[in-house]
Amino acid sequence: MSRRSDRFRSVIEERAADAVMDKATEALQRKEPRPKGPAGGLRERRIEWVTWGISIIILGVCFVIGGDALTLIFPLLAGGLMLFSATLQKILKNWNVSFITWGLGVILAAVGIERFIALFVTLDRTFNPIFLVGGLIIITGFVVLLQIFRRA
């Protein structure tokens, strides 16, 4: 009886080993996409920090230059940079862009557009809310149109 139980045990052990090897081989041969790990999030944050850093450098340069640079050049360049960066991140990589980057980019670009129009249209260079609202509407329309490129 011990021979039978030894034989039975060895057959079971062999079949179990074969099953484990088959599962391991199948798992190695299967090409499953890896889940998005922390590397994607780290790259997203780095791009955001680069965008913010360049915007702060533009602000400093405009402070040094003075005059219309602070009210005209900074909002146009920084807002355009933020919107450009957010657009590329969303279209090319489908990364999440912070709401602050989108919002501040839209506001800065609209203020820059308002200052640009006021520079050429009005002689007294006063703030005109109509130009600001018009710029906000135009830029918001572009942001809404970007939803066409949104990946599912």
C-alpha atoms as a PDB file:
ATOM      1  CA  MET A   1       0.000   0.000   0.000  1.00  0.00           C
ATOM      2  CA  SER A   2       2.866   2.343   0.593  1.00  0.00           C
ATOM      3  CA  ARG A   3       4.048   1.811  -2.981  1.00  0.00           C
ATOM      4  CA  ARG A   4       0.675   2.910  -4.289  1.00  0.00           C
ATOM      5  CA  SER A   5       0.580   6.007  -2.107  1.00  0.00           C
ATOM      6  CA  ASP A   6       4.166   6.869  -3.087  1.00  0.00           C
ATOM      7  CA  ARG A   7       3.314   6.449  -6.756  1.00  0.00           C
ATOM      8  CA  PHE A   8       0.121   8.497  -6.356  1.00  0.00           C
ATOM      9  CA  ARG A   9       2.024  11.248  -4.541  1.00  0.00           C
ATOM     10  CA  SER A  10       4.732  11.405  -7.220  1.00  0.00           C
ATOM     11  CA  VAL A  11       2.144  11.616 -10.018  1.00  0.00           C
ATOM     12  CA  ILE A  12       0.327  14.452  -8.219  1.00  0.00           C
ATOM     13  CA  GLU A  13       3.587  16.315  -7.613  1.00  0.00           C
ATOM     14  CA  GLU A  14       4.603  15.973 -11.270  1.00  0.00           C
ATOM     15  CA  ARG A  15       1.223  17.245 -12.497  1.00  0.00           C
ATOM     16  CA  ALA A  16       1.313  20.166 -10.043  1.00  0.00           C
ATOM     17  CA  ALA A  17       4.820  21.118 -11.180  1.00  0.00           C
ATOM     18  CA  ASP A  18       3.745  20.929 -14.840  1.00  0.00           C
ATOM     19  CA  ALA A  19       0.706  23.131 -14.122  1.00  0.00           C
ATOM     20  CA  VAL A  20       2.841  25.731 -12.342  1.00  0.00           C
ATOM     21  CA  MET A  21       5.373  25.761 -15.182  1.00  0.00           C
ATOM     22  CA  ASP A  22       2.611  26.126 -17.788  1.00  0.00           C
ATOM     23  CA  LYS A  23       1.104  29.089 -15.937  1.00  0.00           C
ATOM     24  CA  ALA A  24       4.515  30.744 -15.542  1.00  0.00           C
ATOM     25  CA  THR A  25       5.363  30.247 -19.220  1.00  0.00           C
ATOM     26  CA  GLU A  26       1.961  31.596 -20.262  1.00  0.00           C
ATOM     27  CA  ALA A  27       2.390  34.665 -18.050  1.00  0.00           C
ATOM     28  CA  LEU A  28       5.839  35.389 -19.507  1.00  0.00           C
ATOM     29  CA  GLN A  29       4.665  35.051 -23.106  1.00  0.00           C
ATOM     30  CA  ARG A  30       1.606  37.237 -22.633  1.00  0.00           C
ATOM     31  CA  LYS A  31       2.196  40.867 -23.604  1.00  0.00           C
ATOM     32  CA  GLU A  32      -0.099  42.916 -21.413  1.00  0.00           C
ATOM     33  CA  PRO A  33       0.173  46.691 -21.271  1.00  0.00           C
ATOM     34  CA  ARG A  34       1.681  47.939 -18.083  1.00  0.00           C
ATOM     35  CA  PRO A  35      -0.468  50.167 -15.936  1.00  0.00           C
ATOM     36  CA  LYS A  36       0.474  53.823 -15.887  1.00  0.00           C
ATOM     37  CA  GLY A  37       2.900  54.123 -13.037  1.00  0.00           C
ATOM     38  CA  PRO A  38       4.372  57.055 -11.200  1.00  0.00           C
ATOM     39  CA  ALA A  39       6.739  57.872 -14.067  1.00  0.00           C
ATOM     40  CA  GLY A  40       3.929  59.430 -16.158  1.00  0.00           C
ATOM     41  CA  GLY A  41       2.785  61.514 -13.214  1.00  0.00           C
ATOM     42  CA  LEU A  42       6.341  62.649 -12.551  1.00  0.00           C
ATOM     43  CA  ARG A  43       6.759  63.770 -16.161  1.00  0.00           C
ATOM     44  CA  GLU A  44       3.443  65.616 -15.991  1.00  0.00           C
ATOM     45  CA  ARG A  45       4.550  67.481 -12.889  1.00  0.00           C
ATOM     46  CA  ARG A  46       7.943  68.314 -14.411  1.00  0.00           C
ATOM     47  CA  ILE A  47       6.330  69.859 -17.478  1.00  0.00           C
ATOM     48  CA  GLU A  48       4.019  71.888 -15.230  1.00  0.00           C
ATOM     49  CA  TRP A  49       6.971  73.104 -13.151  1.00  0.00           C
ATOM     50  CA  VAL A  50       8.964  74.030 -16.257  1.00  0.00           C
ATOM     51  CA  THR A  51       5.989  76.022 -17.539  1.00  0.00           C
ATOM     52  CA  TRP A  52       5.578  77.838 -14.236  1.00  0.00           C
ATOM     53  CA  GLY A  53       9.318  78.466 -13.938  1.00  0.00           C
ATOM     54  CA  ILE A  54       9.562  80.007 -17.399  1.00  0.00           C
ATOM     55  CA  SER A  55       6.498  82.152 -16.642  1.00  0.00           C
ATOM     56  CA  ILE A  56       8.153  83.470 -13.480  1.00  0.00           C
ATOM     57  CA  ILE A  57      11.353  84.232 -15.416  1.00  0.00           C
ATOM     58  CA  ILE A  58       9.274  86.168 -17.968  1.00  0.00           C
ATOM     59  CA  LEU A  59       7.678  88.093 -15.083  1.00  0.00           C
ATOM     60  CA  GLY A  60      11.104  88.986 -13.676  1.00  0.00           C
ATOM     61  CA  VAL A  61      12.425  90.131 -17.042  1.00  0.00           C
ATOM     62  CA  CYS A  62       9.319  92.279 -17.559  1.00  0.00           C
ATOM     63  CA  PHE A  63       9.833  93.838 -14.115  1.00  0.00           C
ATOM     64  CA  VAL A  64      13.395  94.737 -15.088  1.00  0.00           C
ATOM     65  CA  ILE A  65      12.341  96.189 -18.455  1.00  0.00           C
ATOM     66  CA  GLY A  66       9.385  98.054 -16.931  1.00  0.00           C
ATOM     67  CA  GLY A  67       6.854 100.183 -18.785  1.00  0.00           C
ATOM     68  CA  ASP A  68       4.374  98.369 -20.986  1.00  0.00           C
ATOM     69  CA  ALA A  69       6.353  95.145 -20.752  1.00  0.00           C
ATOM     70  CA  LEU A  70       4.751  94.244 -17.430  1.00  0.00           C
ATOM     71  CA  THR A  71       1.199  94.928 -18.566  1.00  0.00           C
ATOM     72  CA  LEU A  72       1.481  93.801 -22.199  1.00  0.00           C
ATOM     73  CA  ILE A  73       4.364  91.404 -22.826  1.00  0.00           C
ATOM     74  CA  PHE A  74       4.134  89.350 -19.613  1.00  0.00           C
ATOM     75  CA  PRO A  75       0.430  88.441 -19.888  1.00  0.00           C
ATOM     76  CA  LEU A  76       0.722  87.585 -23.568  1.00  0.00           C
ATOM     77  CA  LEU A  77       3.867  85.475 -23.255  1.00  0.00           C
ATOM     78  CA  ALA A  78       3.080  83.746 -19.955  1.00  0.00           C
ATOM     79  CA  GLY A  79      -0.576  83.106 -20.824  1.00  0.00           C
ATOM     80  CA  GLY A  80       0.344  81.870 -24.289  1.00  0.00           C
ATOM     81  CA  LEU A  81       3.042  79.609 -22.847  1.00  0.00           C
ATOM     82  CA  MET A  82       0.670  78.111 -20.289  1.00  0.00           C
ATOM     83  CA  LEU A  83      -2.047  77.500 -22.864  1.00  0.00           C
ATOM     84  CA  PHE A  84       0.447  76.096 -25.379  1.00  0.00           C
ATOM     85  CA  SER A  85       1.924  73.732 -22.775  1.00  0.00           C
ATOM     86  CA  ALA A  86      -1.498  72.606 -21.564  1.00  0.00           C
ATOM     87  CA  THR A  87      -2.676  72.027 -25.127  1.00  0.00           C
ATOM     88  CA  LEU A  88       0.359  69.953 -26.078  1.00  0.00           C
ATOM     89  CA  GLN A  89       0.141  67.894 -22.899  1.00  0.00           C
ATOM     90  CA  LYS A  90      -3.524  67.174 -23.502  1.00  0.00           C
ATOM     91  CA  ILE A  91      -3.325  66.454 -27.239  1.00  0.00           C
ATOM     92  CA  LEU A  92      -0.030  64.585 -27.486  1.00  0.00           C
ATOM     93  CA  LYS A  93       0.133  62.669 -24.205  1.00  0.00           C
ATOM     94  CA  ASN A  94      -3.438  62.868 -22.868  1.00  0.00           C
ATOM     95  CA  TRP A  95      -1.976  64.011 -19.560  1.00  0.00           C
ATOM     96  CA  ASN A  96      -4.045  65.761 -16.947  1.00  0.00           C
ATOM     97  CA  VAL A  97      -3.283  69.464 -16.796  1.00  0.00           C
ATOM     98  CA  SER A  98      -4.081  71.336 -13.612  1.00  0.00           C
ATOM     99  CA  PHE A  99      -7.092  73.601 -13.601  1.00  0.00           C
ATOM    100  CA  ILE A 100      -4.880  76.408 -12.293  1.00  0.00           C
ATOM    101  CA  THR A 101      -2.660  76.233 -15.387  1.00  0.00           C
ATOM    102  CA  TRP A 102      -5.672  76.329 -17.720  1.00  0.00           C
ATOM    103  CA  GLY A 103      -7.410  79.105 -15.776  1.00  0.00           C
ATOM    104  CA  LEU A 104      -4.385  81.322 -15.280  1.00  0.00           C
ATOM    105  CA  GLY A 105      -3.338  80.816 -18.898  1.00  0.00           C
ATOM    106  CA  VAL A 106      -6.769  81.895 -20.131  1.00  0.00           C
ATOM    107  CA  ILE A 107      -6.904  84.925 -17.818  1.00  0.00           C
ATOM    108  CA  LEU A 108      -3.355  86.080 -18.593  1.00  0.00           C
ATOM    109  CA  ALA A 109      -3.849  85.682 -22.336  1.00  0.00           C
ATOM    110  CA  ALA A 110      -7.151  87.581 -22.166  1.00  0.00           C
ATOM    111  CA  VAL A 111      -5.540  90.415 -20.191  1.00  0.00           C
ATOM    112  CA  GLY A 112      -2.675  90.504 -22.694  1.00  0.00           C
ATOM    113  CA  ILE A 113      -5.122  90.684 -25.590  1.00  0.00           C
ATOM    114  CA  GLU A 114      -7.058  93.450 -23.825  1.00  0.00           C
ATOM    115  CA  ARG A 115      -3.873  95.465 -23.260  1.00  0.00           C
ATOM    116  CA  PHE A 116      -2.762  94.886 -26.862  1.00  0.00           C
ATOM    117  CA  ILE A 117      -6.086  96.103 -28.273  1.00  0.00           C
ATOM    118  CA  ALA A 118      -6.201  99.043 -25.841  1.00  0.00           C
ATOM    119  CA  LEU A 119      -2.703 100.050 -26.936  1.00  0.00           C
ATOM    120  CA  PHE A 120      -3.812 100.508 -30.537  1.00  0.00           C
ATOM    121  CA  VAL A 121      -7.515 101.338 -30.307  1.00  0.00           C
ATOM    122  CA  THR A 122      -7.805 103.792 -27.429  1.00  0.00           C
ATOM    123  CA  LEU A 123      -5.588 106.819 -26.991  1.00  0.00           C
ATOM    124  CA  ASP A 124      -5.745 107.010 -23.198  1.00  0.00           C
ATOM    125  CA  ARG A 125      -4.727 103.336 -22.612  1.00  0.00           C
ATOM    126  CA  THR A 126      -7.344 102.815 -19.908  1.00  0.00           C
ATOM    127  CA  PHE A 127      -8.669  99.404 -18.957  1.00  0.00           C
ATOM    128  CA  ASN A 128     -11.639  98.411 -21.072  1.00  0.00           C
ATOM    129  CA  PRO A 129     -13.669  95.445 -19.762  1.00  0.00           C
ATOM    130  CA  ILE A 130     -15.288  94.873 -23.162  1.00  0.00           C
ATOM    131  CA  PHE A 131     -11.907  93.938 -24.656  1.00  0.00           C
ATOM    132  CA  LEU A 132     -11.215  91.642 -21.690  1.00  0.00           C
ATOM    133  CA  VAL A 133     -14.572  89.860 -21.983  1.00  0.00           C
ATOM    134  CA  GLY A 134     -14.095  89.500 -25.742  1.00  0.00           C
ATOM    135  CA  GLY A 135     -10.645  87.978 -25.229  1.00  0.00           C
ATOM    136  CA  LEU A 136     -11.979  85.609 -22.559  1.00  0.00           C
ATOM    137  CA  ILE A 137     -14.772  84.447 -24.838  1.00  0.00           C
ATOM    138  CA  ILE A 138     -12.415  83.824 -27.761  1.00  0.00           C
ATOM    139  CA  ILE A 139      -9.868  81.889 -25.683  1.00  0.00           C
ATOM    140  CA  THR A 140     -12.572  79.896 -23.904  1.00  0.00           C
ATOM    141  CA  GLY A 141     -13.942  78.941 -27.318  1.00  0.00           C
ATOM    142  CA  PHE A 142     -10.516  77.614 -28.315  1.00  0.00           C
ATOM    143  CA  VAL A 143     -10.272  75.612 -25.083  1.00  0.00           C
ATOM    144  CA  VAL A 144     -13.705  74.110 -25.734  1.00  0.00           C
ATOM    145  CA  LEU A 145     -12.685  73.233 -29.296  1.00  0.00           C
ATOM    146  CA  LEU A 146      -9.675  71.388 -27.917  1.00  0.00           C
ATOM    147  CA  GLN A 147     -12.097  68.799 -26.564  1.00  0.00           C
ATOM    148  CA  ILE A 148     -12.166  67.430 -30.122  1.00  0.00           C
ATOM    149  CA  PHE A 149      -8.681  66.023 -29.544  1.00  0.00           C
ATOM    150  CA  ARG A 150      -9.565  64.478 -26.198  1.00  0.00           C
ATOM    151  CA  ARG A 151      -8.805  60.784 -26.012  1.00  0.00           C
ATOM    152  CA  ALA A 152     -11.318  58.422 -24.491  1.00  0.00           C
END
